[in-house]
Amino acid sequence: MKDKDEGKVKQTITATELKSNLGMYLDYVSDDNEVVITKNGKKAVRLAPYITDYDRYFIMKEKALDYEYGGKKVSYEEYMEIYEKSDLRMEFINGEIVLLSSPSTTHQEISGNLHVEFREYLKGKQCKVFYAPFDVRFYKEGFKEPDVMQPDLIIACDVDENTNEKGRYMGTPALVTEILSPSTRSKDMVDKLNTIMISGVKEYWIIDPKQEVVLVYGFEDFEIDHFMTYRKQDVVRSYWFTDLKVAGSAIFA
């Protein structure tokens, strides 16, 4: 049986057919042709041309770029398949793959400053702070598939009970922080804000390095319950962690 998938012609055969005609099927396989072998009626093995890890990297990069810039929608399962085979940093937001660029020195300085402040505050507490790259799955109210993002910083209080056998965090952070950059500004302030708000997160900080401003959103029942703007000369106060206070001058030092 033959079918087409992403421009390739795939021929499905049984394991017995492969044994009987191995040479023929090896000759058949090419960049345009693949063979899928079934066992007990289920797809078991794919016979495809060998490519090096180096070539695989660029193939996956091109595919990811095509998904992003081509405006194509993918399922969560398709995203995970691409993600597992790629070395690229990427997120999955509203059914689209978004590639992440390398952060600037200013971005990293702010992230480091805030990580120190959060870590000091959390000493002796159950909650923990994590920084990117660190995958977080956001299960939006009313949606079947999660968004997968790599926030710059999160505070999570449910790590112990929501870490799977692979060591991946599967819970919902209490606080999420994103540091704006020219390439992520619109997504951080619109798409990510909406995703975070309807995922059960309690608080979202948006940090603008250019304006030296921190926007603090607090959520209740999947809606905005609180909003404050803090400048460098102010003391930033948390909505959810009522005793968490961070000097703006420490964030933008």
Protein backbone atom coordinates (compact mmCIF):
# COMPACT_ATOMS: atom_id res chain seq x y z
CA MET A 1 0.00 0.00 0.00
CA LYS A 2 1.33 3.45 -0.92
CA ASP A 3 0.44 6.86 0.47
CA LYS A 4 1.91 10.34 0.42
CA ASP A 5 3.04 12.33 3.48
CA GLU A 6 4.92 15.68 3.35
CA GLY A 7 5.93 15.03 -0.27
CA LYS A 8 7.26 11.51 0.41
CA VAL A 9 5.82 8.32 -1.02
CA LYS A 10 5.43 5.77 1.76
CA GLN A 11 4.97 2.09 1.04
CA THR A 12 3.55 -0.05 3.84
CA ILE A 13 4.59 -3.71 3.92
CA THR A 14 4.64 -6.58 6.38
CA ALA A 15 7.74 -7.91 8.12
CA THR A 16 7.44 -11.07 6.03
CA GLU A 17 7.48 -9.09 2.78
CA LEU A 18 10.58 -7.26 3.99
CA LYS A 19 12.40 -10.55 4.69
CA SER A 20 11.49 -11.91 1.27
CA ASN A 21 12.47 -8.79 -0.69
CA LEU A 22 15.00 -6.94 1.48
CA GLY A 23 17.26 -5.96 -1.41
CA MET A 24 14.38 -4.56 -3.44
CA TYR A 25 13.11 -2.40 -0.59
CA LEU A 26 16.61 -1.13 0.25
CA ASP A 27 16.91 0.02 -3.37
CA TYR A 28 13.44 1.60 -3.18
CA VAL A 29 14.24 3.81 -0.20
CA SER A 30 15.41 7.32 -1.15
CA ASP A 31 14.90 10.95 -0.20
CA ASP A 32 11.42 10.72 -1.76
CA ASN A 33 10.49 7.17 -0.79
CA GLU A 34 10.06 5.48 2.58
CA VAL A 35 8.98 2.01 3.65
CA VAL A 36 6.85 1.38 6.74
CA ILE A 37 6.99 -2.17 8.12
CA THR A 38 4.05 -3.58 10.06
CA LYS A 39 4.07 -6.32 12.66
CA ASN A 40 0.87 -8.02 13.77
CA GLY A 41 -1.08 -5.43 11.81
CA LYS A 42 0.51 -2.42 13.53
CA LYS A 43 3.14 -0.01 12.22
CA ALA A 44 6.42 -0.96 13.86
CA VAL A 45 9.46 0.28 11.90
CA ARG A 46 10.19 2.96 9.32
CA LEU A 47 12.86 2.28 6.67
CA ALA A 48 14.33 5.60 5.55
CA PRO A 49 17.65 6.93 4.21
CA TYR A 50 20.40 7.30 6.79
CA ILE A 51 21.30 10.87 7.71
CA THR A 52 23.94 12.11 10.13
CA ASP A 53 23.08 13.94 13.36
CA TYR A 54 24.52 17.07 11.72
CA ASP A 55 22.14 16.81 8.76
CA ARG A 56 19.25 15.93 11.06
CA TYR A 57 19.80 19.13 13.03
CA PHE A 58 19.39 21.32 9.96
CA ILE A 59 16.44 19.32 8.65
CA MET A 60 14.60 19.78 11.94
CA LYS A 61 15.57 23.45 12.02
CA GLU A 62 14.11 23.97 8.56
CA LYS A 63 10.93 22.16 9.54
CA ALA A 64 10.54 24.25 12.69
CA LEU A 65 11.13 27.46 10.77
CA ASP A 66 8.59 26.37 8.20
CA TYR A 67 6.01 25.76 10.93
CA GLU A 68 6.66 29.17 12.44
CA TYR A 69 6.90 31.37 9.38
CA GLY A 70 4.49 29.37 7.25
CA GLY A 71 1.73 29.98 9.78
CA LYS A 72 0.91 26.27 10.00
CA LYS A 73 -0.92 24.76 12.94
CA VAL A 74 0.38 21.57 14.56
CA SER A 75 -0.94 19.32 17.28
CA TYR A 76 0.70 18.93 20.67
CA GLU A 77 1.85 15.42 19.67
CA GLU A 78 3.44 16.76 16.46
CA TYR A 79 5.15 19.53 18.42
CA MET A 80 6.60 17.03 20.91
CA GLU A 81 7.89 14.85 18.06
CA ILE A 82 9.70 17.82 16.54
CA TYR A 83 10.91 19.06 19.92
CA GLU A 84 12.39 15.70 20.95
CA LYS A 85 14.46 15.54 17.75
CA SER A 86 15.68 19.12 17.76
CA ASP A 87 18.39 21.03 19.59
CA LEU A 88 16.56 24.31 19.06
CA ARG A 89 14.81 26.19 21.85
CA MET A 90 11.14 26.41 20.98
CA GLU A 91 7.71 27.02 22.44
CA PHE A 92 4.23 25.82 21.49
CA ILE A 93 1.65 28.60 21.72
CA ASN A 94 -1.91 28.45 20.36
CA GLY A 95 -1.01 25.52 18.11
CA GLU A 96 2.07 27.17 16.57
CA ILE A 97 5.78 26.54 17.08
CA VAL A 98 7.78 29.60 18.06
CA LEU A 99 11.57 29.53 17.93
CA LEU A 100 13.44 31.31 20.73
CA SER A 101 16.50 33.42 20.01
CA SER A 102 19.51 33.82 22.28
CA PRO A 103 18.97 36.41 25.04
CA SER A 104 20.93 39.65 25.28
CA THR A 105 23.42 40.47 28.03
CA THR A 106 20.91 42.91 29.59
CA HIS A 107 18.26 40.20 29.58
CA GLN A 108 20.63 37.78 31.33
CA GLU A 109 21.68 40.36 33.92
CA ILE A 110 18.06 41.06 34.86
CA SER A 111 17.25 37.35 34.95
CA GLY A 112 20.24 36.70 37.19
CA ASN A 113 19.37 39.58 39.52
CA LEU A 114 15.79 38.43 39.91
CA HIS A 115 16.80 34.81 40.40
CA VAL A 116 19.00 35.87 43.34
CA GLU A 117 16.13 37.87 44.87
CA PHE A 118 13.60 35.05 44.45
CA ARG A 119 16.00 32.41 45.76
CA GLU A 120 16.75 34.47 48.87
CA TYR A 121 13.03 34.99 49.51
CA LEU A 122 12.26 31.28 49.13
CA LYS A 123 14.85 30.04 51.63
CA GLY A 124 13.11 27.69 54.05
CA LYS A 125 9.91 27.65 51.98
CA GLN A 126 8.34 24.83 49.98
CA CYS A 127 8.28 26.79 46.72
CA LYS A 128 11.21 26.77 44.29
CA VAL A 129 12.49 29.13 41.59
CA PHE A 130 13.52 27.90 38.14
CA TYR A 131 14.96 29.79 35.18
CA ALA A 132 15.02 29.21 31.41
CA PRO A 133 15.48 26.98 29.56
CA PHE A 134 12.85 25.10 31.55
CA ASP A 135 9.71 23.72 29.88
CA VAL A 136 6.37 24.47 31.50
CA ARG A 137 3.05 23.09 30.25
CA PHE A 138 0.16 25.50 30.62
CA TYR A 139 -3.22 23.76 30.57
CA LYS A 140 -5.66 26.45 29.53
CA GLU A 141 -9.21 26.40 30.82
CA GLY A 142 -11.45 25.02 28.08
CA PHE A 143 -8.62 23.74 25.87
CA LYS A 144 -7.63 20.10 25.35
CA GLU A 145 -3.96 20.62 24.46
CA PRO A 146 -1.50 22.58 26.61
CA ASP A 147 0.77 25.39 25.51
CA VAL A 148 4.44 24.70 26.20
CA MET A 149 6.59 27.69 27.10
CA GLN A 150 9.98 28.47 28.60
CA PRO A 151 9.38 31.45 30.91
CA ASP A 152 12.45 33.38 31.97
CA LEU A 153 11.69 32.64 35.63
CA ILE A 154 8.97 30.81 37.53
CA ILE A 155 8.14 30.18 41.16
CA ALA A 156 6.50 26.77 41.59
CA CYS A 157 5.02 25.42 44.81
CA ASP A 158 3.89 22.01 43.50
CA VAL A 159 7.17 20.57 42.23
CA ASP A 160 7.36 17.45 44.41
CA GLU A 161 3.93 16.14 43.47
CA ASN A 162 4.11 17.22 39.80
CA THR A 163 7.45 15.94 38.53
CA ASN A 164 7.23 12.88 36.28
CA GLU A 165 9.54 9.89 35.96
CA LYS A 166 11.67 11.77 33.40
CA GLY A 167 12.27 14.61 35.84
CA ARG A 168 10.01 17.01 33.95
CA TYR A 169 7.86 19.49 35.80
CA MET A 170 4.18 19.01 34.91
CA GLY A 171 2.51 21.36 37.40
CA THR A 172 1.23 24.93 37.35
CA PRO A 173 3.57 27.73 38.55
CA ALA A 174 2.31 30.25 41.04
CA LEU A 175 4.32 33.10 39.51
CA VAL A 176 5.68 33.51 35.97
CA THR A 177 8.16 36.16 34.84
CA GLU A 178 9.02 37.21 31.28
CA ILE A 179 11.69 39.74 30.30
CA LEU A 180 10.74 41.60 27.14
CA SER A 181 12.88 41.69 24.02
CA PRO A 182 12.07 43.29 20.63
CA SER A 183 11.28 39.88 19.12
CA THR A 184 9.04 38.63 21.96
CA ARG A 185 7.33 41.83 23.13
CA SER A 186 3.96 41.28 21.44
CA LYS A 187 3.74 37.58 22.38
CA ASP A 188 4.77 38.19 26.00
CA MET A 189 2.25 41.00 26.43
CA VAL A 190 -0.68 39.44 24.56
CA ASP A 191 -0.50 35.72 23.74
CA LYS A 192 1.44 34.64 26.82
CA LEU A 193 -0.55 36.90 29.11
CA ASN A 194 -3.76 35.25 27.93
CA THR A 195 -2.33 31.72 28.20
CA ILE A 196 -0.97 32.31 31.69
CA MET A 197 -4.19 33.98 32.88
CA ILE A 198 -6.44 31.04 31.93
CA SER A 199 -4.04 28.31 33.10
CA GLY A 200 -4.43 28.75 36.84
CA VAL A 201 -1.25 30.80 37.36
CA LYS A 202 -1.69 33.33 40.15
CA GLU A 203 0.72 36.05 39.07
CA TYR A 204 2.60 37.28 35.99
CA TRP A 205 5.50 39.75 35.92
CA ILE A 206 6.45 41.43 32.64
CA ILE A 207 9.80 43.20 32.82
CA ASP A 208 10.67 45.87 30.27
CA PRO A 209 14.46 46.44 30.26
CA LYS A 210 14.24 49.43 27.90
CA GLN A 211 11.75 51.40 30.00
CA GLU A 212 12.98 49.87 33.29
CA VAL A 213 9.42 49.01 34.24
CA VAL A 214 7.84 45.95 35.88
CA LEU A 215 4.19 45.14 35.19
CA VAL A 216 2.58 42.90 37.80
CA TYR A 217 -0.64 41.05 36.99
CA GLY A 218 -2.65 39.10 39.56
CA PHE A 219 -5.29 36.54 38.52
CA GLU A 220 -8.42 35.24 40.20
CA ASP A 221 -10.89 32.82 38.59
CA PHE A 222 -8.98 33.03 35.28
CA GLU A 223 -9.40 36.81 35.06
CA ILE A 224 -7.21 39.81 35.87
CA ASP A 225 -7.81 40.76 39.50
CA HIS A 226 -4.84 43.08 40.00
CA PHE A 227 -2.52 45.22 37.92
CA MET A 228 0.33 47.49 38.98
CA THR A 229 3.20 49.26 37.23
CA TYR A 230 6.51 49.69 39.05
CA ARG A 231 9.54 51.72 37.99
CA LYS A 232 13.20 51.34 38.85
CA GLN A 233 12.92 53.63 41.87
CA ASP A 234 9.95 51.67 43.29
CA VAL A 235 9.70 48.52 45.39
CA VAL A 236 7.95 45.79 43.39
CA ARG A 237 5.34 44.00 45.51
CA SER A 238 4.00 40.56 44.70
CA TYR A 239 0.27 39.97 44.37
CA TRP A 240 0.22 36.32 45.44
CA PHE A 241 3.24 36.18 47.79
CA THR A 242 2.18 39.05 49.99
CA ASP A 243 5.53 39.29 51.81
CA LEU A 244 7.65 39.23 48.61
CA LYS A 245 9.15 42.64 47.86
CA VAL A 246 11.96 43.37 45.38
CA ALA A 247 13.61 46.75 44.88
CA GLY A 248 13.40 47.91 41.28
CA SER A 249 17.00 49.08 41.57
CA ALA A 250 18.03 45.48 42.38
CA ILE A 251 16.22 44.14 39.30
CA PHE A 252 17.74 46.68 36.92
CA ALA A 253 21.15 46.89 38.62
